Amino acid sequence: MSFNDLERGTGSTRSGASDPEFTRVKDAVSIQIFKIQSNVQGIQRLLDKLGTTSDGPSVRTSLHNLTESTRDMVKKSTDEIKALASFPSGGDGQAQRKAIQSRLSREYTSALQGFQRVQRLSAERQRSTVEVQKRAVELQEESNEDRDSVELERVQLQTQAQAMAPQITQSELEFQEQVIAERESEIREIETGIHELNDIFRDLGAIVQEQGGLIDNIESNIVNVHAHTTSAAEELTSAHEYQRKAGRRMACLLIILAIVALFILLAILA
C-alpha cells in the first residue's frame, strides 16, 4: 500500500467516527502531540543553560538524549498521523471524523514546528560553543609552546572559554579535542533531524490540504442538503395547499350534484 493510497483512504475499509480503531489512533496521536510539546519545552530549558554557569556534561547529555527520544517519537507519531488520515471519508460520522483528522494534523504540524525551532537553536548554540572551545584549545597549545607571547584577542577568548576549559593542561588537550569531535557529530545529527522534519512537513502539507478539501466538500454537501430540504418542504406545502383547495372544490361539486339529484327526484315523485 502506497502512502498516496493511505492519504486518500483507499487502502482501508474502516469507517465511522465511533470506530474503536479510529478512536485508538486518534487518542494515540493526541498523546504523542502532548509528549512532543512537553519535550520541546524541556529542550528549550536545557538550551537556556548552554554557555552559562549551569552548563556542563550532564546538561549536554540530557539535551542529546531528550532530542534523540523526541526524534524517535516524531517518527512513530508520523506513522500514526498517516494511519489517522487513512480512514475513508464515507460512512456515518463523516463530518465529525474529518474535523478530528484536520484538527490533529494541524496540532501535530504545530508541535513539529516547535521541535524544528529548538533543533535549529540547539545547532546554532552548539556551533558557537564548539568554535569557542576550538579556539581555546588552539590558544592553549600555542600557550604551551610560548607562554610569554599572548595577544589581547587570545586573552579575551581564554576568558570567554574559561568556564569550559579553565587552564587546560597538555594531558587534557586530547580529551578536549575528543569532546569537540563529539559535539560536531551531535550538530550533524541535529541537522539531519531538521532535514527529516522538512520531509515530514511536505507529507503533512499534502494531508492537511486534502483534508481541507474534504471538509469543504462536506460543508458544501450540508448546505446543498439544507437547500434541497427547504425546497422540498416548500413543494410539500404548495402541494398540501393545492390538495386543500381541490378538496373544497370537490365538496362544493358534490353538494351541487346532490341538490340537482334531489330536484330530479322530487320532480319524478311529483
C-alpha atoms as a PDB file:
ATOM      1  CA  MET A   1       0.000   0.000   0.000  1.00  0.00           C
ATOM      2  CA  SER A   2       1.476   3.334  -1.035  1.00  0.00           C
ATOM      3  CA  PHE A   3       1.485   6.482   1.081  1.00  0.00           C
ATOM      4  CA  ASN A   4      -0.761   8.148  -1.507  1.00  0.00           C
ATOM      5  CA  ASP A   5      -3.279   5.369  -1.005  1.00  0.00           C
ATOM      6  CA  LEU A   6      -3.171   5.977   2.727  1.00  0.00           C
ATOM      7  CA  GLU A   7      -3.752   9.681   2.208  1.00  0.00           C
ATOM      8  CA  ARG A   8      -6.784   9.060   0.001  1.00  0.00           C
ATOM      9  CA  GLY A   9      -8.115   6.417   2.355  1.00  0.00           C
ATOM     10  CA  THR A  10      -8.339   3.856  -0.478  1.00  0.00           C
ATOM     11  CA  GLY A  11      -6.349   1.225   1.368  1.00  0.00           C
ATOM     12  CA  SER A  12      -8.823   0.733   4.170  1.00  0.00           C
ATOM     13  CA  THR A  13     -12.447  -0.235   4.625  1.00  0.00           C
ATOM     14  CA  ARG A  14     -12.737   1.282   8.091  1.00  0.00           C
ATOM     15  CA  SER A  15     -15.385   3.946   8.610  1.00  0.00           C
ATOM     16  CA  GLY A  16     -17.282   5.793  11.280  1.00  0.00           C
ATOM     17  CA  ALA A  17     -16.076   8.342  13.812  1.00  0.00           C
ATOM     18  CA  SER A  18     -17.170   5.915  16.531  1.00  0.00           C
ATOM     19  CA  ASP A  19     -14.974   3.128  15.102  1.00  0.00           C
ATOM     20  CA  PRO A  20     -12.878   1.772  18.031  1.00  0.00           C
ATOM     21  CA  GLU A  21      -9.782   1.635  15.813  1.00  0.00           C
ATOM     22  CA  PHE A  22     -10.248   5.262  14.777  1.00  0.00           C
ATOM     23  CA  THR A  23     -10.641   6.237  18.433  1.00  0.00           C
ATOM     24  CA  ARG A  24      -7.478   4.322  19.356  1.00  0.00           C
ATOM     25  CA  VAL A  25      -5.382   6.016  16.664  1.00  0.00           C
ATOM     26  CA  LYS A  26      -6.879   9.421  17.471  1.00  0.00           C
ATOM     27  CA  ASP A  27      -6.026   9.055  21.170  1.00  0.00           C
ATOM     28  CA  ALA A  28      -2.511   7.823  20.345  1.00  0.00           C
ATOM     29  CA  VAL A  29      -1.871  10.855  18.128  1.00  0.00           C
ATOM     30  CA  SER A  30      -3.188  13.229  20.803  1.00  0.00           C
ATOM     31  CA  ILE A  31      -0.857  11.703  23.397  1.00  0.00           C
ATOM     32  CA  GLN A  32       2.136  11.926  21.049  1.00  0.00           C
ATOM     33  CA  ILE A  33       1.396  15.591  20.330  1.00  0.00           C
ATOM     34  CA  PHE A  34       1.334  16.325  24.064  1.00  0.00           C
ATOM     35  CA  LYS A  35       4.619  14.452  24.617  1.00  0.00           C
ATOM     36  CA  ILE A  36       6.371  16.247  21.754  1.00  0.00           C
ATOM     37  CA  GLN A  37       5.225  19.626  23.070  1.00  0.00           C
ATOM     38  CA  SER A  38       6.449  18.729  26.576  1.00  0.00           C
ATOM     39  CA  ASN A  39       9.827  17.578  25.226  1.00  0.00           C
ATOM     40  CA  VAL A  40      10.202  20.789  23.225  1.00  0.00           C
ATOM     41  CA  GLN A  41       9.738  22.773  26.431  1.00  0.00           C
ATOM     42  CA  GLY A  42      12.338  20.578  28.147  1.00  0.00           C
ATOM     43  CA  ILE A  43      14.816  21.052  25.302  1.00  0.00           C
ATOM     44  CA  GLN A  44      14.310  24.815  25.466  1.00  0.00           C
ATOM     45  CA  ARG A  45      15.086  24.824  29.211  1.00  0.00           C
ATOM     46  CA  LEU A  46      18.308  22.881  28.605  1.00  0.00           C
ATOM     47  CA  LEU A  47      19.308  25.185  25.756  1.00  0.00           C
ATOM     48  CA  ASP A  48      18.935  28.168  28.073  1.00  0.00           C
ATOM     49  CA  LYS A  49      21.681  26.655  30.261  1.00  0.00           C
ATOM     50  CA  LEU A  50      24.253  26.347  27.475  1.00  0.00           C
ATOM     51  CA  GLY A  51      27.142  28.759  27.890  1.00  0.00           C
ATOM     52  CA  THR A  52      26.119  29.675  31.438  1.00  0.00           C
ATOM     53  CA  THR A  53      27.454  28.627  34.833  1.00  0.00           C
ATOM     54  CA  SER A  54      24.830  25.847  34.799  1.00  0.00           C
ATOM     55  CA  ASP A  55      26.361  24.351  31.652  1.00  0.00           C
ATOM     56  CA  GLY A  56      28.144  21.048  31.969  1.00  0.00           C
ATOM     57  CA  PRO A  57      28.373  17.437  30.746  1.00  0.00           C
ATOM     58  CA  SER A  58      25.111  16.428  32.444  1.00  0.00           C
ATOM     59  CA  VAL A  59      23.212  19.252  30.729  1.00  0.00           C
ATOM     60  CA  ARG A  60      24.593  18.335  27.318  1.00  0.00           C
ATOM     61  CA  THR A  61      23.929  14.625  27.859  1.00  0.00           C
ATOM     62  CA  SER A  62      20.339  15.377  28.861  1.00  0.00           C
ATOM     63  CA  LEU A  63      19.948  17.645  25.835  1.00  0.00           C
ATOM     64  CA  HIS A  64      21.259  14.970  23.482  1.00  0.00           C
ATOM     65  CA  ASN A  65      19.103  12.204  24.978  1.00  0.00           C
ATOM     66  CA  LEU A  66      15.935  14.307  25.012  1.00  0.00           C
ATOM     67  CA  THR A  67      16.479  15.411  21.419  1.00  0.00           C
ATOM     68  CA  GLU A  68      17.039  11.834  20.253  1.00  0.00           C
ATOM     69  CA  SER A  69      13.995  10.484  22.115  1.00  0.00           C
ATOM     70  CA  THR A  70      11.857  13.261  20.626  1.00  0.00           C
ATOM     71  CA  ARG A  71      13.150  12.451  17.147  1.00  0.00           C
ATOM     72  CA  ASP A  72      12.170   8.786  17.624  1.00  0.00           C
ATOM     73  CA  MET A  73       8.788   9.916  18.934  1.00  0.00           C
ATOM     74  CA  VAL A  74       8.245  12.041  15.828  1.00  0.00           C
ATOM     75  CA  LYS A  75       8.970   9.092  13.533  1.00  0.00           C
ATOM     76  CA  LYS A  76       6.470   6.906  15.387  1.00  0.00           C
ATOM     77  CA  SER A  77       3.765   9.552  15.598  1.00  0.00           C
ATOM     78  CA  THR A  78       4.157  10.416  11.911  1.00  0.00           C
ATOM     79  CA  ASP A  79       3.153   6.847  11.074  1.00  0.00           C
ATOM     80  CA  GLU A  80       0.149   7.236  13.364  1.00  0.00           C
ATOM     81  CA  ILE A  81      -0.932  10.535  11.794  1.00  0.00           C
ATOM     82  CA  LYS A  82      -0.761   8.830   8.392  1.00  0.00           C
ATOM     83  CA  ALA A  83      -2.870   5.986   9.769  1.00  0.00           C
ATOM     84  CA  LEU A  84      -5.374   8.540  11.043  1.00  0.00           C
ATOM     85  CA  ALA A  85      -5.594  10.034   7.558  1.00  0.00           C
ATOM     86  CA  SER A  86      -6.181   6.562   6.076  1.00  0.00           C
ATOM     87  CA  PHE A  87      -9.746   6.328   7.372  1.00  0.00           C
ATOM     88  CA  PRO A  88     -12.164   6.785   4.439  1.00  0.00           C
ATOM     89  CA  SER A  89     -14.415   9.794   4.034  1.00  0.00           C
ATOM     90  CA  GLY A  90     -17.658   7.865   3.578  1.00  0.00           C
ATOM     91  CA  GLY A  91     -19.979   6.379   6.150  1.00  0.00           C
ATOM     92  CA  ASP A  92     -21.582   7.647   9.329  1.00  0.00           C
ATOM     93  CA  GLY A  93     -19.936  10.491  11.242  1.00  0.00           C
ATOM     94  CA  GLN A  94     -18.128  11.757   8.147  1.00  0.00           C
ATOM     95  CA  ALA A  95     -18.068  15.432   9.152  1.00  0.00           C
ATOM     96  CA  GLN A  96     -17.012  14.711  12.734  1.00  0.00           C
ATOM     97  CA  ARG A  97     -14.247  12.329  11.688  1.00  0.00           C
ATOM     98  CA  LYS A  98     -12.783  14.696   9.101  1.00  0.00           C
ATOM     99  CA  ALA A  99     -12.895  17.582  11.557  1.00  0.00           C
ATOM    100  CA  ILE A 100     -10.888  15.487  14.044  1.00  0.00           C
ATOM    101  CA  GLN A 101      -8.375  14.461  11.375  1.00  0.00           C
ATOM    102  CA  SER A 102      -7.867  18.047  10.241  1.00  0.00           C
ATOM    103  CA  ARG A 103      -7.527  19.414  13.786  1.00  0.00           C
ATOM    104  CA  LEU A 104      -4.974  16.802  14.859  1.00  0.00           C
ATOM    105  CA  SER A 105      -2.984  17.268  11.643  1.00  0.00           C
ATOM    106  CA  ARG A 106      -2.725  20.997  12.340  1.00  0.00           C
ATOM    107  CA  GLU A 107      -1.799  20.457  16.004  1.00  0.00           C
ATOM    108  CA  TYR A 108       0.811  17.865  15.033  1.00  0.00           C
ATOM    109  CA  THR A 109       2.307  20.194  12.437  1.00  0.00           C
ATOM    110  CA  SER A 110       2.499  22.953  15.058  1.00  0.00           C
ATOM    111  CA  ALA A 111       4.261  20.590  17.502  1.00  0.00           C
ATOM    112  CA  LEU A 112       6.813  19.619  14.841  1.00  0.00           C
ATOM    113  CA  GLN A 113       7.449  23.270  14.036  1.00  0.00           C
ATOM    114  CA  GLY A 114       8.270  23.820  17.707  1.00  0.00           C
ATOM    115  CA  PHE A 115      10.663  20.863  17.655  1.00  0.00           C
ATOM    116  CA  GLN A 116      12.306  22.118  14.479  1.00  0.00           C
ATOM    117  CA  ARG A 117      12.758  25.553  16.036  1.00  0.00           C
ATOM    118  CA  VAL A 118      14.576  24.230  19.142  1.00  0.00           C
ATOM    119  CA  GLN A 119      16.714  21.927  16.979  1.00  0.00           C
ATOM    120  CA  ARG A 120      17.895  24.879  14.918  1.00  0.00           C
ATOM    121  CA  LEU A 121      18.556  26.869  18.072  1.00  0.00           C
ATOM    122  CA  SER A 122      20.456  23.920  19.539  1.00  0.00           C
ATOM    123  CA  ALA A 123      22.624  23.608  16.427  1.00  0.00           C
ATOM    124  CA  GLU A 124      23.409  27.336  16.451  1.00  0.00           C
ATOM    125  CA  ARG A 125      24.347  27.453  20.124  1.00  0.00           C
ATOM    126  CA  GLN A 126      26.404  24.287  19.996  1.00  0.00           C
ATOM    127  CA  ARG A 127      28.245  25.535  16.916  1.00  0.00           C
ATOM    128  CA  SER A 128      29.092  28.717  18.779  1.00  0.00           C
ATOM    129  CA  THR A 129      30.262  26.726  21.796  1.00  0.00           C
ATOM    130  CA  VAL A 130      32.388  24.414  19.657  1.00  0.00           C
ATOM    131  CA  GLU A 131      34.055  27.368  17.958  1.00  0.00           C
ATOM    132  CA  VAL A 132      34.938  28.867  21.334  1.00  0.00           C
ATOM    133  CA  GLN A 133      36.296  25.521  22.527  1.00  0.00           C
ATOM    134  CA  LYS A 134      38.333  25.033  19.364  1.00  0.00           C
ATOM    135  CA  ARG A 135      39.965  28.412  19.657  1.00  0.00           C
ATOM    136  CA  ALA A 136      40.543  27.883  23.378  1.00  0.00           C
ATOM    137  CA  VAL A 137      42.355  24.616  22.654  1.00  0.00           C
ATOM    138  CA  GLU A 138      44.391  26.267  19.915  1.00  0.00           C
ATOM    139  CA  LEU A 139      45.326  29.078  22.274  1.00  0.00           C
ATOM    140  CA  GLN A 140      46.324  26.633  24.977  1.00  0.00           C
ATOM    141  CA  GLU A 141      48.506  24.711  22.539  1.00  0.00           C
ATOM    142  CA  GLU A 142      50.184  27.915  21.473  1.00  0.00           C
ATOM    143  CA  SER A 143      50.483  28.959  25.100  1.00  0.00           C
ATOM    144  CA  ASN A 144      52.274  25.719  25.926  1.00  0.00           C
ATOM    145  CA  GLU A 145      54.796  26.476  23.171  1.00  0.00           C
ATOM    146  CA  ASP A 146      55.310  30.103  24.078  1.00  0.00           C
ATOM    147  CA  ARG A 147      53.703  31.242  27.348  1.00  0.00           C
ATOM    148  CA  ASP A 148      55.261  34.673  27.108  1.00  0.00           C
ATOM    149  CA  SER A 149      53.554  35.758  23.832  1.00  0.00           C
ATOM    150  CA  VAL A 150      49.836  36.074  24.461  1.00  0.00           C
ATOM    151  CA  GLU A 151      47.961  38.652  22.429  1.00  0.00           C
ATOM    152  CA  LEU A 152      44.951  40.595  23.685  1.00  0.00           C
ATOM    153  CA  GLU A 153      42.469  38.694  21.500  1.00  0.00           C
ATOM    154  CA  ARG A 154      43.703  35.385  22.883  1.00  0.00           C
ATOM    155  CA  VAL A 155      43.319  36.608  26.437  1.00  0.00           C
ATOM    156  CA  GLN A 156      39.734  37.618  25.694  1.00  0.00           C
ATOM    157  CA  LEU A 157      38.948  34.260  24.105  1.00  0.00           C
ATOM    158  CA  GLN A 158      40.502  32.413  27.021  1.00  0.00           C
ATOM    159  CA  THR A 159      38.328  34.425  29.393  1.00  0.00           C
ATOM    160  CA  GLN A 160      35.235  33.574  27.322  1.00  0.00           C
ATOM    161  CA  ALA A 161      36.117  29.888  27.340  1.00  0.00           C
ATOM    162  CA  GLN A 162      37.233  29.822  30.964  1.00  0.00           C
ATOM    163  CA  ALA A 163      34.085  28.116  32.224  1.00  0.00           C
ATOM    164  CA  MET A 164      34.509  25.291  29.711  1.00  0.00           C
ATOM    165  CA  ALA A 165      38.277  24.962  29.547  1.00  0.00           C
ATOM    166  CA  PRO A 166      39.986  26.557  32.525  1.00  0.00           C
ATOM    167  CA  GLN A 167      43.788  26.207  32.468  1.00  0.00           C
ATOM    168  CA  ILE A 168      43.809  23.218  30.130  1.00  0.00           C
ATOM    169  CA  THR A 169      46.910  21.129  30.587  1.00  0.00           C
ATOM    170  CA  GLN A 170      48.681  19.303  27.805  1.00  0.00           C
ATOM    171  CA  SER A 171      47.314  15.981  29.066  1.00  0.00           C
ATOM    172  CA  GLU A 172      43.754  17.307  28.699  1.00  0.00           C
ATOM    173  CA  LEU A 173      44.077  18.646  25.174  1.00  0.00           C
ATOM    174  CA  GLU A 174      43.327  15.312  23.514  1.00  0.00           C
ATOM    175  CA  PHE A 175      40.264  14.873  25.708  1.00  0.00           C
ATOM    176  CA  GLN A 176      39.007  18.346  24.773  1.00  0.00           C
ATOM    177  CA  GLU A 177      39.547  17.602  21.097  1.00  0.00           C
ATOM    178  CA  GLN A 178      37.539  14.406  21.505  1.00  0.00           C
ATOM    179  CA  VAL A 179      34.736  16.365  23.172  1.00  0.00           C
ATOM    180  CA  ILE A 180      34.758  18.843  20.304  1.00  0.00           C
ATOM    181  CA  ALA A 181      34.516  15.997  17.781  1.00  0.00           C
ATOM    182  CA  GLU A 182      31.538  14.567  19.678  1.00  0.00           C
ATOM    183  CA  ARG A 183      29.828  17.948  19.719  1.00  0.00           C
ATOM    184  CA  GLU A 184      30.344  18.341  15.986  1.00  0.00           C
ATOM    185  CA  SER A 185      28.846  14.878  15.475  1.00  0.00           C
ATOM    186  CA  GLU A 186      25.821  15.897  17.537  1.00  0.00           C
ATOM    187  CA  ILE A 187      25.427  19.030  15.436  1.00  0.00           C
ATOM    188  CA  ARG A 188      25.420  16.913  12.260  1.00  0.00           C
ATOM    189  CA  GLU A 189      22.754  14.668  13.808  1.00  0.00           C
ATOM    190  CA  ILE A 190      20.632  17.708  14.613  1.00  0.00           C
ATOM    191  CA  GLU A 191      20.976  18.994  11.052  1.00  0.00           C
ATOM    192  CA  THR A 192      19.945  15.562   9.751  1.00  0.00           C
ATOM    193  CA  GLY A 193      16.909  15.666  12.031  1.00  0.00           C
ATOM    194  CA  ILE A 194      15.956  19.082  10.658  1.00  0.00           C
ATOM    195  CA  HIS A 195      16.090  17.740   7.092  1.00  0.00           C
ATOM    196  CA  GLU A 196      13.939  14.766   8.128  1.00  0.00           C
ATOM    197  CA  LEU A 197      11.374  17.152   9.588  1.00  0.00           C
ATOM    198  CA  ASN A 198      11.273  19.065   6.309  1.00  0.00           C
ATOM    199  CA  ASP A 199      10.308  15.831   4.523  1.00  0.00           C
ATOM    200  CA  ILE A 200       7.627  15.148   7.136  1.00  0.00           C
ATOM    201  CA  PHE A 201       6.255  18.673   6.701  1.00  0.00           C
ATOM    202  CA  ARG A 202       5.816  18.059   2.979  1.00  0.00           C
ATOM    203  CA  ASP A 203       3.818  14.889   3.664  1.00  0.00           C
ATOM    204  CA  LEU A 204       1.712  16.607   6.315  1.00  0.00           C
ATOM    205  CA  GLY A 205       1.079  19.534   3.997  1.00  0.00           C
ATOM    206  CA  ALA A 206      -0.411  17.168   1.429  1.00  0.00           C
ATOM    207  CA  ILE A 207      -2.563  15.507   4.102  1.00  0.00           C
ATOM    208  CA  VAL A 208      -3.845  18.785   5.541  1.00  0.00           C
ATOM    209  CA  GLN A 209      -4.580  20.151   2.067  1.00  0.00           C
ATOM    210  CA  GLU A 210      -6.560  17.050   1.108  1.00  0.00           C
ATOM    211  CA  GLN A 211      -8.450  17.029   4.393  1.00  0.00           C
ATOM    212  CA  GLY A 212      -9.248  20.706   3.962  1.00  0.00           C
ATOM    213  CA  GLY A 213     -10.765  19.951   0.568  1.00  0.00           C
ATOM    214  CA  LEU A 214     -12.782  17.088   2.019  1.00  0.00           C
ATOM    215  CA  ILE A 215     -14.117  19.285   4.804  1.00  0.00           C
ATOM    216  CA  ASP A 216     -15.074  21.951   2.256  1.00  0.00           C
ATOM    217  CA  ASN A 217     -16.942  19.269   0.302  1.00  0.00           C
ATOM    218  CA  ILE A 218     -18.697  18.124   3.469  1.00  0.00           C
ATOM    219  CA  GLU A 219     -19.770  21.677   4.292  1.00  0.00           C
ATOM    220  CA  SER A 220     -20.923  22.184   0.708  1.00  0.00           C
ATOM    221  CA  ASN A 221     -22.930  18.957   0.866  1.00  0.00           C
ATOM    222  CA  ILE A 222     -24.532  20.059   4.131  1.00  0.00           C
ATOM    223  CA  VAL A 223     -25.533  23.384   2.565  1.00  0.00           C
ATOM    224  CA  ASN A 224     -26.910  21.595  -0.503  1.00  0.00           C
ATOM    225  CA  VAL A 225     -28.869  19.147   1.632  1.00  0.00           C
ATOM    226  CA  HIS A 226     -30.314  22.053   3.622  1.00  0.00           C
ATOM    227  CA  ALA A 227     -31.277  23.854   0.415  1.00  0.00           C
ATOM    228  CA  HIS A 228     -32.863  20.719  -1.023  1.00  0.00           C
ATOM    229  CA  THR A 229     -34.715  20.082   2.226  1.00  0.00           C
ATOM    230  CA  THR A 230     -36.055  23.652   2.269  1.00  0.00           C
ATOM    231  CA  SER A 231     -37.128  23.363  -1.356  1.00  0.00           C
ATOM    232  CA  ALA A 232     -38.819  20.029  -0.692  1.00  0.00           C
ATOM    233  CA  ALA A 233     -40.654  21.487   2.293  1.00  0.00           C
ATOM    234  CA  GLU A 234     -41.901  24.377   0.166  1.00  0.00           C
ATOM    235  CA  GLU A 235     -43.084  21.961  -2.513  1.00  0.00           C
ATOM    236  CA  LEU A 236     -44.899  19.862   0.089  1.00  0.00           C
ATOM    237  CA  THR A 237     -46.584  22.987   1.462  1.00  0.00           C
ATOM    238  CA  SER A 238     -47.678  24.004  -2.033  1.00  0.00           C
ATOM    239  CA  ALA A 239     -48.984  20.511  -2.726  1.00  0.00           C
ATOM    240  CA  HIS A 240     -50.871  20.471   0.557  1.00  0.00           C
ATOM    241  CA  GLU A 241     -52.453  23.863  -0.231  1.00  0.00           C
ATOM    242  CA  TYR A 242     -53.395  22.663  -3.693  1.00  0.00           C
ATOM    243  CA  GLN A 243     -54.952  19.500  -2.273  1.00  0.00           C
ATOM    244  CA  ARG A 244     -56.852  21.538   0.321  1.00  0.00           C
ATOM    245  CA  LYS A 245     -58.292  23.842  -2.355  1.00  0.00           C
ATOM    246  CA  ALA A 246     -59.063  20.898  -4.614  1.00  0.00           C
ATOM    247  CA  GLY A 247     -60.841  19.221  -1.721  1.00  0.00           C
ATOM    248  CA  ARG A 248     -63.083  22.276  -1.215  1.00  0.00           C
ATOM    249  CA  ARG A 249     -63.940  22.372  -4.906  1.00  0.00           C
ATOM    250  CA  MET A 250     -64.798  18.686  -4.865  1.00  0.00           C
ATOM    251  CA  ALA A 251     -67.036  19.158  -1.803  1.00  0.00           C
ATOM    252  CA  CYS A 252     -68.903  22.018  -3.495  1.00  0.00           C
ATOM    253  CA  LEU A 253     -69.338  19.928  -6.625  1.00  0.00           C
ATOM    254  CA  LEU A 254     -70.734  17.022  -4.608  1.00  0.00           C
ATOM    255  CA  ILE A 255     -73.203  19.349  -2.846  1.00  0.00           C
ATOM    256  CA  ILE A 256     -74.378  20.759  -6.199  1.00  0.00           C
ATOM    257  CA  LEU A 257     -74.777  17.256  -7.593  1.00  0.00           C
ATOM    258  CA  ALA A 258     -76.736  16.245  -4.510  1.00  0.00           C
ATOM    259  CA  ILE A 259     -79.081  19.256  -4.889  1.00  0.00           C
ATOM    260  CA  VAL A 260     -79.613  18.519  -8.600  1.00  0.00           C
ATOM    261  CA  ALA A 261     -80.306  14.890  -7.800  1.00  0.00           C
ATOM    262  CA  LEU A 262     -82.800  15.976  -5.130  1.00  0.00           C
ATOM    263  CA  PHE A 263     -84.678  18.237  -7.598  1.00  0.00           C
ATOM    264  CA  ILE A 264     -84.783  15.420 -10.144  1.00  0.00           C
ATOM    265  CA  LEU A 265     -86.082  13.007  -7.512  1.00  0.00           C
ATOM    266  CA  LEU A 266     -88.802  15.477  -6.402  1.00  0.00           C
ATOM    267  CA  ALA A 267     -89.822  16.063  -9.995  1.00  0.00           C
ATOM    268  CA  ILE A 268     -90.171  12.356 -10.584  1.00  0.00           C
ATOM    269  CA  LEU A 269     -92.224  11.870  -7.429  1.00  0.00           C
ATOM    270  CA  ALA A 270     -94.496  14.775  -8.299  1.00  0.00           C
END
